[in-house]
Amino acid sequence: MTDDQNHITIEPGKRGGKPCIRSMRITVYDVLEWLASGMSETEILEDYPELTQDDIRACLAFAADREHRLSTIAPA
């Protein structure tokens, strides 16, 4: 599994403090939105050659971890 800490960065002055990929201006949300709209990993990598397959997997891992943390603190 990819260690998303090496791929996901949060900087207060960049993209409103949203989680970004390796200090670029591409956010985790951007990648998740592209995947949700039906873009394949290959299409994303062709359109954004600065990204890697590990970056995309780190976005998925980051989102899964965030969802897991939210579900464990939500009231029953």
PDB file of N, CA and C in Angstrom:
ATOM      1  N   MET A   1       0.840  -1.184   0.000  1.00  0.00           N
ATOM      2  CA  MET A   1       0.000   0.000   0.000  1.00  0.00           C
ATOM      3  C   MET A   1       0.887   1.250   0.000  1.00  0.00           C
ATOM      4  N   THR A   2       0.416   2.277  -0.676  1.00  0.00           N
ATOM      5  CA  THR A   2       1.162   3.526  -0.795  1.00  0.00           C
ATOM      6  C   THR A   2       1.106   4.319   0.504  1.00  0.00           C
ATOM      7  N   ASP A   3       2.215   4.898   0.878  1.00  0.00           N
ATOM      8  CA  ASP A   3       2.268   5.771   2.042  1.00  0.00           C
ATOM      9  C   ASP A   3       1.862   7.167   1.590  1.00  0.00           C
ATOM     10  N   ASP A   4       0.608   7.547   1.847  1.00  0.00           N
ATOM     11  CA  ASP A   4       0.109   8.824   1.334  1.00  0.00           C
ATOM     12  C   ASP A   4       0.811  10.027   1.957  1.00  0.00           C
ATOM     13  N   GLN A   5       1.508   9.866   3.060  1.00  0.00           N
ATOM     14  CA  GLN A   5       2.224  10.990   3.667  1.00  0.00           C
ATOM     15  C   GLN A   5       3.333  11.507   2.762  1.00  0.00           C
ATOM     16  N   ASN A   6       3.862  10.663   1.889  1.00  0.00           N
ATOM     17  CA  ASN A   6       4.896  11.096   0.958  1.00  0.00           C
ATOM     18  C   ASN A   6       4.310  11.768  -0.276  1.00  0.00           C
ATOM     19  N   HIS A   7       3.013  11.666  -0.462  1.00  0.00           N
ATOM     20  CA  HIS A   7       2.371  12.182  -1.661  1.00  0.00           C
ATOM     21  C   HIS A   7       1.408  13.326  -1.377  1.00  0.00           C
ATOM     22  N   ILE A   8       0.791  13.332  -0.220  1.00  0.00           N
ATOM     23  CA  ILE A   8      -0.237  14.325   0.095  1.00  0.00           C
ATOM     24  C   ILE A   8       0.341  15.377   1.034  1.00  0.00           C
ATOM     25  N   THR A   9       0.215  16.635   0.627  1.00  0.00           N
ATOM     26  CA  THR A   9       0.718  17.740   1.439  1.00  0.00           C
ATOM     27  C   THR A   9      -0.409  18.736   1.688  1.00  0.00           C
ATOM     28  N   ILE A  10      -0.320  19.410   2.815  1.00  0.00           N
ATOM     29  CA  ILE A  10      -1.292  20.451   3.153  1.00  0.00           C
ATOM     30  C   ILE A  10      -0.512  21.701   3.522  1.00  0.00           C
ATOM     31  N   GLU A  11      -0.725  22.760   2.741  1.00  0.00           N
ATOM     32  CA  GLU A  11      -0.059  24.032   2.975  1.00  0.00           C
ATOM     33  C   GLU A  11      -1.142  25.107   3.088  1.00  0.00           C
ATOM     34  N   PRO A  12      -1.161  25.852   4.198  1.00  0.00           N
ATOM     35  CA  PRO A  12      -2.230  26.821   4.424  1.00  0.00           C
ATOM     36  C   PRO A  12      -2.447  27.809   3.270  1.00  0.00           C
ATOM     37  N   GLY A  13      -1.400  28.247   2.598  1.00  0.00           N
ATOM     38  CA  GLY A  13      -1.547  29.248   1.549  1.00  0.00           C
ATOM     39  C   GLY A  13      -1.794  28.691   0.162  1.00  0.00           C
ATOM     40  N   LYS A  14      -1.892  27.381   0.035  1.00  0.00           N
ATOM     41  CA  LYS A  14      -2.063  26.767  -1.281  1.00  0.00           C
ATOM     42  C   LYS A  14      -3.426  26.100  -1.374  1.00  0.00           C
ATOM     43  N   ARG A  15      -4.195  26.499  -2.380  1.00  0.00           N
ATOM     44  CA  ARG A  15      -5.522  25.941  -2.645  1.00  0.00           C
ATOM     45  C   ARG A  15      -6.395  25.931  -1.385  1.00  0.00           C
ATOM     46  N   GLY A  16      -6.262  26.998  -0.602  1.00  0.00           N
ATOM     47  CA  GLY A  16      -7.092  27.141   0.592  1.00  0.00           C
ATOM     48  C   GLY A  16      -6.811  26.119   1.670  1.00  0.00           C
ATOM     49  N   GLY A  17      -5.606  25.558   1.665  1.00  0.00           N
ATOM     50  CA  GLY A  17      -5.244  24.576   2.689  1.00  0.00           C
ATOM     51  C   GLY A  17      -5.768  23.183   2.413  1.00  0.00           C
ATOM     52  N   LYS A  18      -6.295  22.960   1.203  1.00  0.00           N
ATOM     53  CA  LYS A  18      -6.796  21.630   0.851  1.00  0.00           C
ATOM     54  C   LYS A  18      -5.622  20.674   0.635  1.00  0.00           C
ATOM     55  N   PRO A  19      -5.836  19.385   0.880  1.00  0.00           N
ATOM     56  CA  PRO A  19      -4.784  18.405   0.643  1.00  0.00           C
ATOM     57  C   PRO A  19      -4.418  18.365  -0.844  1.00  0.00           C
ATOM     58  N   CYS A  20      -3.140  18.543  -1.139  1.00  0.00           N
ATOM     59  CA  CYS A  20      -2.636  18.557  -2.510  1.00  0.00           C
ATOM     60  C   CYS A  20      -1.659  17.411  -2.719  1.00  0.00           C
ATOM     61  N   ILE A  21      -1.352  17.172  -3.976  1.00  0.00           N
ATOM     62  CA  ILE A  21      -0.411  16.111  -4.316  1.00  0.00           C
ATOM     63  C   ILE A  21       0.983  16.702  -4.441  1.00  0.00           C
ATOM     64  N   ARG A  22       1.894  16.218  -3.608  1.00  0.00           N
ATOM     65  CA  ARG A  22       3.312  16.597  -3.625  1.00  0.00           C
ATOM     66  C   ARG A  22       3.537  18.091  -3.814  1.00  0.00           C
ATOM     67  N   SER A  23       2.835  18.894  -3.075  1.00  0.00           N
ATOM     68  CA  SER A  23       2.975  20.352  -3.084  1.00  0.00           C
ATOM     69  C   SER A  23       2.594  21.004  -4.414  1.00  0.00           C
ATOM     70  N   MET A  24       1.971  20.239  -5.303  1.00  0.00           N
ATOM     71  CA  MET A  24       1.468  20.830  -6.541  1.00  0.00           C
ATOM     72  C   MET A  24       0.121  21.487  -6.241  1.00  0.00           C
ATOM     73  N   ARG A  25      -0.474  22.079  -7.247  1.00  0.00           N
ATOM     74  CA  ARG A  25      -1.768  22.715  -7.072  1.00  0.00           C
ATOM     75  C   ARG A  25      -2.928  21.782  -7.415  1.00  0.00           C
ATOM     76  N   ILE A  26      -2.631  20.516  -7.620  1.00  0.00           N
ATOM     77  CA  ILE A  26      -3.660  19.510  -7.876  1.00  0.00           C
ATOM     78  C   ILE A  26      -4.066  18.923  -6.530  1.00  0.00           C
ATOM     79  N   THR A  27      -5.369  19.000  -6.226  1.00  0.00           N
ATOM     80  CA  THR A  27      -5.843  18.523  -4.926  1.00  0.00           C
ATOM     81  C   THR A  27      -6.287  17.067  -4.988  1.00  0.00           C
ATOM     82  N   VAL A  28      -6.380  16.480  -3.814  1.00  0.00           N
ATOM     83  CA  VAL A  28      -6.941  15.142  -3.687  1.00  0.00           C
ATOM     84  C   VAL A  28      -8.354  15.149  -4.266  1.00  0.00           C
ATOM     85  N   TYR A  29      -9.106  16.189  -3.956  1.00  0.00           N
ATOM     86  CA  TYR A  29     -10.482  16.302  -4.459  1.00  0.00           C
ATOM     87  C   TYR A  29     -10.505  16.296  -5.988  1.00  0.00           C
ATOM     88  N   ASP A  30      -9.576  17.006  -6.630  1.00  0.00           N
ATOM     89  CA  ASP A  30      -9.520  17.026  -8.094  1.00  0.00           C
ATOM     90  C   ASP A  30      -9.425  15.599  -8.633  1.00  0.00           C
ATOM     91  N   VAL A  31      -8.489  14.838  -8.101  1.00  0.00           N
ATOM     92  CA  VAL A  31      -8.260  13.472  -8.580  1.00  0.00           C
ATOM     93  C   VAL A  31      -9.488  12.601  -8.319  1.00  0.00           C
ATOM     94  N   LEU A  32     -10.062  12.704  -7.133  1.00  0.00           N
ATOM     95  CA  LEU A  32     -11.249  11.906  -6.817  1.00  0.00           C
ATOM     96  C   LEU A  32     -12.416  12.280  -7.727  1.00  0.00           C
ATOM     97  N   GLU A  33     -12.559  13.559  -8.023  1.00  0.00           N
ATOM     98  CA  GLU A  33     -13.627  14.023  -8.909  1.00  0.00           C
ATOM     99  C   GLU A  33     -13.434  13.465 -10.326  1.00  0.00           C
ATOM    100  N   TRP A  34     -12.181  13.460 -10.807  1.00  0.00           N
ATOM    101  CA  TRP A  34     -11.913  12.907 -12.138  1.00  0.00           C
ATOM    102  C   TRP A  34     -12.259  11.425 -12.186  1.00  0.00           C
ATOM    103  N   LEU A  35     -11.867  10.695 -11.155  1.00  0.00           N
ATOM    104  CA  LEU A  35     -12.182   9.267 -11.110  1.00  0.00           C
ATOM    105  C   LEU A  35     -13.690   9.043 -11.041  1.00  0.00           C
ATOM    106  N   ALA A  36     -14.374   9.827 -10.217  1.00  0.00           N
ATOM    107  CA  ALA A  36     -15.823   9.694 -10.070  1.00  0.00           C
ATOM    108  C   ALA A  36     -16.569  10.039 -11.360  1.00  0.00           C
ATOM    109  N   SER A  37     -15.994  10.924 -12.161  1.00  0.00           N
ATOM    110  CA  SER A  37     -16.649  11.310 -13.418  1.00  0.00           C
ATOM    111  C   SER A  37     -16.424  10.280 -14.514  1.00  0.00           C
ATOM    112  N   GLY A  38     -15.605   9.258 -14.219  1.00  0.00           N
ATOM    113  CA  GLY A  38     -15.399   8.182 -15.174  1.00  0.00           C
ATOM    114  C   GLY A  38     -14.043   8.166 -15.853  1.00  0.00           C
ATOM    115  N   MET A  39     -13.185   9.121 -15.533  1.00  0.00           N
ATOM    116  CA  MET A  39     -11.840   9.085 -16.116  1.00  0.00           C
ATOM    117  C   MET A  39     -11.080   7.887 -15.561  1.00  0.00           C
ATOM    118  N   SER A  40     -10.331   7.239 -16.414  1.00  0.00           N
ATOM    119  CA  SER A  40      -9.497   6.129 -15.959  1.00  0.00           C
ATOM    120  C   SER A  40      -8.169   6.687 -15.446  1.00  0.00           C
ATOM    121  N   GLU A  41      -7.437   5.855 -14.715  1.00  0.00           N
ATOM    122  CA  GLU A  41      -6.101   6.263 -14.267  1.00  0.00           C
ATOM    123  C   GLU A  41      -5.239   6.633 -15.467  1.00  0.00           C
ATOM    124  N   THR A  42      -5.339   5.859 -16.516  1.00  0.00           N
ATOM    125  CA  THR A  42      -4.543   6.122 -17.718  1.00  0.00           C
ATOM    126  C   THR A  42      -4.874   7.488 -18.301  1.00  0.00           C
ATOM    127  N   GLU A  43      -6.160   7.824 -18.379  1.00  0.00           N
ATOM    128  CA  GLU A  43      -6.562   9.132 -18.914  1.00  0.00           C
ATOM    129  C   GLU A  43      -6.045  10.274 -18.044  1.00  0.00           C
ATOM    130  N   ILE A  44      -6.123  10.096 -16.738  1.00  0.00           N
ATOM    131  CA  ILE A  44      -5.623  11.135 -15.824  1.00  0.00           C
ATOM    132  C   ILE A  44      -4.121  11.319 -16.027  1.00  0.00           C
ATOM    133  N   LEU A  45      -3.392  10.225 -16.096  1.00  0.00           N
ATOM    134  CA  LEU A  45      -1.941  10.302 -16.255  1.00  0.00           C
ATOM    135  C   LEU A  45      -1.550  10.889 -17.612  1.00  0.00           C
ATOM    136  N   GLU A  46      -2.349  10.654 -18.632  1.00  0.00           N
ATOM    137  CA  GLU A  46      -2.088  11.254 -19.940  1.00  0.00           C
ATOM    138  C   GLU A  46      -2.352  12.758 -19.916  1.00  0.00           C
ATOM    139  N   ASP A  47      -3.450  13.162 -19.243  1.00  0.00           N
ATOM    140  CA  ASP A  47      -3.810  14.587 -19.167  1.00  0.00           C
ATOM    141  C   ASP A  47      -2.927  15.365 -18.197  1.00  0.00           C
ATOM    142  N   TYR A  48      -2.420  14.690 -17.177  1.00  0.00           N
ATOM    143  CA  TYR A  48      -1.600  15.332 -16.142  1.00  0.00           C
ATOM    144  C   TYR A  48      -0.324  14.506 -15.952  1.00  0.00           C
ATOM    145  N   PRO A  49       0.627  14.635 -16.877  1.00  0.00           N
ATOM    146  CA  PRO A  49       1.838  13.796 -16.833  1.00  0.00           C
ATOM    147  C   PRO A  49       2.710  14.025 -15.598  1.00  0.00           C
ATOM    148  N   GLU A  50       2.465  15.106 -14.872  1.00  0.00           N
ATOM    149  CA  GLU A  50       3.224  15.332 -13.637  1.00  0.00           C
ATOM    150  C   GLU A  50       2.767  14.403 -12.512  1.00  0.00           C
ATOM    151  N   LEU A  51       1.614  13.759 -12.690  1.00  0.00           N
ATOM    152  CA  LEU A  51       1.114  12.809 -11.698  1.00  0.00           C
ATOM    153  C   LEU A  51       1.659  11.415 -11.978  1.00  0.00           C
ATOM    154  N   THR A  52       1.653  10.600 -10.938  1.00  0.00           N
ATOM    155  CA  THR A  52       2.053   9.202 -11.064  1.00  0.00           C
ATOM    156  C   THR A  52       0.915   8.309 -10.588  1.00  0.00           C
ATOM    157  N   GLN A  53       1.020   7.042 -10.904  1.00  0.00           N
ATOM    158  CA  GLN A  53       0.036   6.085 -10.423  1.00  0.00           C
ATOM    159  C   GLN A  53       0.036   6.058  -8.892  1.00  0.00           C
ATOM    160  N   ASP A  54       1.196   6.185  -8.286  1.00  0.00           N
ATOM    161  CA  ASP A  54       1.274   6.233  -6.820  1.00  0.00           C
ATOM    162  C   ASP A  54       0.539   7.458  -6.259  1.00  0.00           C
ATOM    163  N   ASP A  55       0.580   8.581  -6.971  1.00  0.00           N
ATOM    164  CA  ASP A  55      -0.155   9.769  -6.528  1.00  0.00           C
ATOM    165  C   ASP A  55      -1.659   9.483  -6.484  1.00  0.00           C
ATOM    166  N   ILE A  56      -2.157   8.838  -7.525  1.00  0.00           N
ATOM    167  CA  ILE A  56      -3.590   8.516  -7.590  1.00  0.00           C
ATOM    168  C   ILE A  56      -3.959   7.556  -6.469  1.00  0.00           C
ATOM    169  N   ARG A  57      -3.147   6.566  -6.255  1.00  0.00           N
ATOM    170  CA  ARG A  57      -3.423   5.609  -5.166  1.00  0.00           C
ATOM    171  C   ARG A  57      -3.338   6.283  -3.805  1.00  0.00           C
ATOM    172  N   ALA A  58      -2.434   7.240  -3.662  1.00  0.00           N
ATOM    173  CA  ALA A  58      -2.336   7.975  -2.397  1.00  0.00           C
ATOM    174  C   ALA A  58      -3.605   8.785  -2.155  1.00  0.00           C
ATOM    175  N   CYS A  59      -4.195   9.342  -3.200  1.00  0.00           N
ATOM    176  CA  CYS A  59      -5.453  10.080  -3.063  1.00  0.00           C
ATOM    177  C   CYS A  59      -6.566   9.154  -2.584  1.00  0.00           C
ATOM    178  N   LEU A  60      -6.626   7.969  -3.169  1.00  0.00           N
ATOM    179  CA  LEU A  60      -7.636   6.998  -2.744  1.00  0.00           C
ATOM    180  C   LEU A  60      -7.410   6.560  -1.302  1.00  0.00           C
ATOM    181  N   ALA A  61      -6.160   6.318  -0.934  1.00  0.00           N
ATOM    182  CA  ALA A  61      -5.848   5.916   0.438  1.00  0.00           C
ATOM    183  C   ALA A  61      -6.177   7.041   1.417  1.00  0.00           C
ATOM    184  N   PHE A  62      -5.874   8.275   1.029  1.00  0.00           N
ATOM    185  CA  PHE A  62      -6.161   9.429   1.872  1.00  0.00           C
ATOM    186  C   PHE A  62      -7.663   9.546   2.104  1.00  0.00           C
ATOM    187  N   ALA A  63      -8.447   9.412   1.031  1.00  0.00           N
ATOM    188  CA  ALA A  63      -9.902   9.506   1.147  1.00  0.00           C
ATOM    189  C   ALA A  63     -10.467   8.358   1.978  1.00  0.00           C
ATOM    190  N   ALA A  64      -9.940   7.157   1.782  1.00  0.00           N
ATOM    191  CA  ALA A  64     -10.412   6.009   2.556  1.00  0.00           C
ATOM    192  C   ALA A  64     -10.117   6.193   4.037  1.00  0.00           C
ATOM    193  N   ASP A  65      -8.927   6.693   4.340  1.00  0.00           N
ATOM    194  CA  ASP A  65      -8.557   6.928   5.732  1.00  0.00           C
ATOM    195  C   ASP A  65      -9.443   7.998   6.362  1.00  0.00           C
ATOM    196  N   ARG A  66      -9.703   9.064   5.613  1.00  0.00           N
ATOM    197  CA  ARG A  66     -10.566  10.133   6.128  1.00  0.00           C
ATOM    198  C   ARG A  66     -11.976   9.592   6.382  1.00  0.00           C
ATOM    199  N   GLU A  67     -12.493   8.805   5.465  1.00  0.00           N
ATOM    200  CA  GLU A  67     -13.822   8.208   5.630  1.00  0.00           C
ATOM    201  C   GLU A  67     -13.848   7.286   6.847  1.00  0.00           C
ATOM    202  N   HIS A  68     -12.805   6.493   7.010  1.00  0.00           N
ATOM    203  CA  HIS A  68     -12.730   5.593   8.162  1.00  0.00           C
ATOM    204  C   HIS A  68     -12.728   6.380   9.469  1.00  0.00           C
ATOM    205  N   ARG A  69     -11.932   7.451   9.509  1.00  0.00           N
ATOM    206  CA  ARG A  69     -11.875   8.267  10.726  1.00  0.00           C
ATOM    207  C   ARG A  69     -13.215   8.912  11.014  1.00  0.00           C
ATOM    208  N   LEU A  70     -13.917   9.375   9.974  1.00  0.00           N
ATOM    209  CA  LEU A  70     -15.233   9.982  10.185  1.00  0.00           C
ATOM    210  C   LEU A  70     -16.248   8.956  10.699  1.00  0.00           C
ATOM    211  N   SER A  71     -16.189   7.750  10.171  1.00  0.00           N
ATOM    212  CA  SER A  71     -17.156   6.735  10.576  1.00  0.00           C
ATOM    213  C   SER A  71     -16.896   6.243  11.995  1.00  0.00           C
ATOM    214  N   THR A  72     -15.665   6.355  12.478  1.00  0.00           N
ATOM    215  CA  THR A  72     -15.383   5.885  13.840  1.00  0.00           C
ATOM    216  C   THR A  72     -15.727   6.936  14.890  1.00  0.00           C
ATOM    217  N   ILE A  73     -15.889   8.197  14.473  1.00  0.00           N
ATOM    218  CA  ILE A  73     -16.257   9.232  15.451  1.00  0.00           C
ATOM    219  C   ILE A  73     -17.718   9.642  15.353  1.00  0.00           C
ATOM    220  N   ALA A  74     -18.429   9.142  14.327  1.00  0.00           N
ATOM    221  CA  ALA A  74     -19.828   9.497  14.154  1.00  0.00           C
ATOM    222  C   ALA A  74     -20.667   8.850  15.254  1.00  0.00           C
ATOM    223  N   PRO A  75     -21.649   9.603  15.753  1.00  0.00           N
ATOM    224  CA  PRO A  75     -22.514   9.017  16.795  1.00  0.00           C
ATOM    225  C   PRO A  75     -23.364   7.881  16.236  1.00  0.00           C
ATOM    226  N   ALA A  76     -23.621   6.896  17.059  1.00  0.00           N
ATOM    227  CA  ALA A  76     -24.395   5.729  16.625  1.00  0.00           C
ATOM    228  C   ALA A  76     -25.866   6.011  16.585  1.00  0.00           C
TER     229      ALA A  76
END
